[in-house]
C-alpha atoms as a PDB file:
ATOM      1  CA  MET A   1      61.575 132.291 121.469  1.00  0.00           C
ATOM      2  CA  SER A   2      58.665 130.988 123.525  1.00  0.00           C
ATOM      3  CA  VAL A   3      58.944 130.077 126.981  1.00  0.00           C
ATOM      4  CA  LYS A   4      59.006 126.322 126.179  1.00  0.00           C
ATOM      5  CA  SER A   5      61.842 126.677 123.795  1.00  0.00           C
ATOM      6  CA  VAL A   6      63.920 128.697 126.608  1.00  0.00           C
ATOM      7  CA  VAL A   7      63.214 126.345 129.596  1.00  0.00           C
ATOM      8  CA  GLY A   8      64.115 123.273 127.463  1.00  0.00           C
ATOM      9  CA  ARG A   9      67.352 124.762 126.344  1.00  0.00           C
ATOM     10  CA  LEU A  10      68.270 125.773 130.057  1.00  0.00           C
ATOM     11  CA  ALA A  11      67.185 122.394 130.955  1.00  0.00           C
ATOM     12  CA  GLY A  12      69.280 120.840 128.398  1.00  0.00           C
ATOM     13  CA  TRP A  13      72.302 122.755 129.421  1.00  0.00           C
ATOM     14  CA  LEU A  14      71.578 122.318 133.153  1.00  0.00           C
ATOM     15  CA  LEU A  15      71.848 118.383 132.368  1.00  0.00           C
ATOM     16  CA  LEU A  16      74.684 118.539 130.514  1.00  0.00           C
ATOM     17  CA  ALA A  17      76.604 120.721 133.236  1.00  0.00           C
ATOM     18  CA  VAL A  18      75.633 117.956 135.774  1.00  0.00           C
ATOM     19  CA  ALA A  19      76.922 115.236 133.358  1.00  0.00           C
ATOM     20  CA  GLY A  20      80.271 117.260 133.110  1.00  0.00           C
ATOM     21  CA  VAL A  21      80.557 117.483 136.754  1.00  0.00           C
ATOM     22  CA  ALA A  22      79.981 114.017 137.362  1.00  0.00           C
ATOM     23  CA  ALA A  23      82.409 112.948 134.891  1.00  0.00           C
ATOM     24  CA  LEU A  24      85.200 114.915 136.524  1.00  0.00           C
ATOM     25  CA  ASN A  25      84.040 113.358 139.774  1.00  0.00           C
ATOM     26  CA  VAL A  26      84.618 109.859 138.081  1.00  0.00           C
ATOM     27  CA  ALA A  27      88.134 111.003 136.945  1.00  0.00           C
ATOM     28  CA  TRP A  28      88.845 111.980 140.427  1.00  0.00           C
ATOM     29  CA  MET A  29      87.711 108.860 142.174  1.00  0.00           C
ATOM     30  CA  VAL A  30      89.728 106.930 139.133  1.00  0.00           C
ATOM     31  CA  ALA A  31      92.799 109.012 140.104  1.00  0.00           C
ATOM     32  CA  SER A  32      92.154 108.667 143.926  1.00  0.00           C
ATOM     33  CA  SER A  33      91.792 105.163 143.789  1.00  0.00           C
ATOM     34  CA  ALA A  34      95.013 104.842 141.908  1.00  0.00           C
ATOM     35  CA  LEU A  35      96.930 106.567 144.325  1.00  0.00           C
ATOM     36  CA  TRP A  36      95.628 105.555 147.641  1.00  0.00           C
ATOM     37  CA  GLY A  37      93.783 102.295 146.730  1.00  0.00           C
ATOM     38  CA  VAL A  38      90.196 101.282 146.044  1.00  0.00           C
ATOM     39  CA  THR A  39      87.891 101.485 148.769  1.00  0.00           C
ATOM     40  CA  THR A  40      84.092 100.742 148.943  1.00  0.00           C
ATOM     41  CA  ALA A  41      83.135 104.415 149.009  1.00  0.00           C
ATOM     42  CA  ARG A  42      85.391 105.288 146.045  1.00  0.00           C
ATOM     43  CA  PHE A  43      84.062 102.497 143.958  1.00  0.00           C
ATOM     44  CA  LEU A  44      80.549 103.192 144.829  1.00  0.00           C
ATOM     45  CA  THR A  45      81.094 106.968 144.272  1.00  0.00           C
ATOM     46  CA  GLY A  46      82.710 106.398 140.775  1.00  0.00           C
ATOM     47  CA  TRP A  47      79.952 104.003 139.726  1.00  0.00           C
ATOM     48  CA  PHE A  48      77.210 106.442 140.822  1.00  0.00           C
ATOM     49  CA  SER A  49      78.936 109.344 138.988  1.00  0.00           C
ATOM     50  CA  ALA A  50      79.560 107.332 135.927  1.00  0.00           C
ATOM     51  CA  GLY A  51      75.684 106.262 135.574  1.00  0.00           C
ATOM     52  CA  LEU A  52      74.807 109.951 136.302  1.00  0.00           C
ATOM     53  CA  ALA A  53      77.446 111.310 133.783  1.00  0.00           C
ATOM     54  CA  LEU A  54      75.878 108.965 131.051  1.00  0.00           C
ATOM     55  CA  THR A  55      72.043 109.398 131.936  1.00  0.00           C
ATOM     56  CA  ALA A  56      72.295 113.197 132.495  1.00  0.00           C
ATOM     57  CA  GLY A  57      74.537 113.825 129.465  1.00  0.00           C
ATOM     58  CA  LEU A  58      72.229 111.690 127.125  1.00  0.00           C
ATOM     59  CA  THR A  59      69.309 113.219 128.421  1.00  0.00           C
ATOM     60  CA  GLY A  60      70.421 116.784 128.224  1.00  0.00           C
ATOM     61  CA  TYR A  61      71.630 116.354 124.570  1.00  0.00           C
ATOM     62  CA  VAL A  62      68.034 114.759 123.642  1.00  0.00           C
ATOM     63  CA  VAL A  63      66.234 117.774 125.397  1.00  0.00           C
ATOM     64  CA  ARG A  64      68.336 120.438 123.717  1.00  0.00           C
ATOM     65  CA  GLN A  65      67.931 118.569 120.406  1.00  0.00           C
ATOM     66  CA  ARG A  66      63.993 118.250 120.686  1.00  0.00           C
ATOM     67  CA  VAL A  67      63.724 121.941 121.710  1.00  0.00           C
ATOM     68  CA  ALA A  68      65.696 122.632 118.323  1.00  0.00           C
ATOM     69  CA  GLY A  69      63.448 120.371 116.408  1.00  0.00           C
ATOM     70  CA  ASN A  70      66.218 117.806 115.345  1.00  0.00           C
ATOM     71  CA  VAL A  71      64.832 114.512 116.899  1.00  0.00           C
ATOM     72  CA  ILE A  72      62.744 111.945 114.704  1.00  0.00           C
ATOM     73  CA  PRO A  73      59.159 111.716 116.358  1.00  0.00           C
ATOM     74  CA  LEU A  74      58.437 108.794 118.009  1.00  0.00           C
ATOM     75  CA  ASN A  75      55.582 107.447 115.857  1.00  0.00           C
ATOM     76  CA  TYR A  76      57.774 107.097 112.915  1.00  0.00           C
ATOM     77  CA  ASP A  77      58.252 103.803 111.794  1.00  0.00           C
ATOM     78  CA  VAL A  78      60.496 102.653 109.091  1.00  0.00           C
ATOM     79  CA  SER A  79      60.264  98.997 109.475  1.00  0.00           C
ATOM     80  CA  VAL A  80      59.433  96.575 106.596  1.00  0.00           C
ATOM     81  CA  ALA A  81      56.388  95.414 108.106  1.00  0.00           C
ATOM     82  CA  PHE A  82      54.559  99.003 108.028  1.00  0.00           C
ATOM     83  CA  ARG A  83      55.761  99.603 104.564  1.00  0.00           C
ATOM     84  CA  GLY A  84      53.672  96.537 103.098  1.00  0.00           C
ATOM     85  CA  GLY A  85      56.639  94.100 103.106  1.00  0.00           C
ATOM     86  CA  GLN A  86      58.756  96.044 100.400  1.00  0.00           C
ATOM     87  CA  GLY A  87      62.250  95.796 100.480  1.00  0.00           C
ATOM     88  CA  GLY A  88      62.842  92.226 101.701  1.00  0.00           C
ATOM     89  CA  LEU A  89      66.100  90.550 102.511  1.00  0.00           C
END
């Protein structure tokens, strides 16, 4: 394995781990809010953690797939306009 693939895989797993911890934090904030009431700190912590879980999870997944070679390149265009107009409605 090349250094690039090892670093990419580790970064992907690290991001997925961060997403997992953030998701557990969201669950804790929801549970504590249900038990003891919603506060500003609980709401904002849950809100931030939910965004972090979503962002880190998707980024970690895409990084791991990109290192594995399973992501379509960004310059790949399948729109009808770039195929000469075939396949209209």
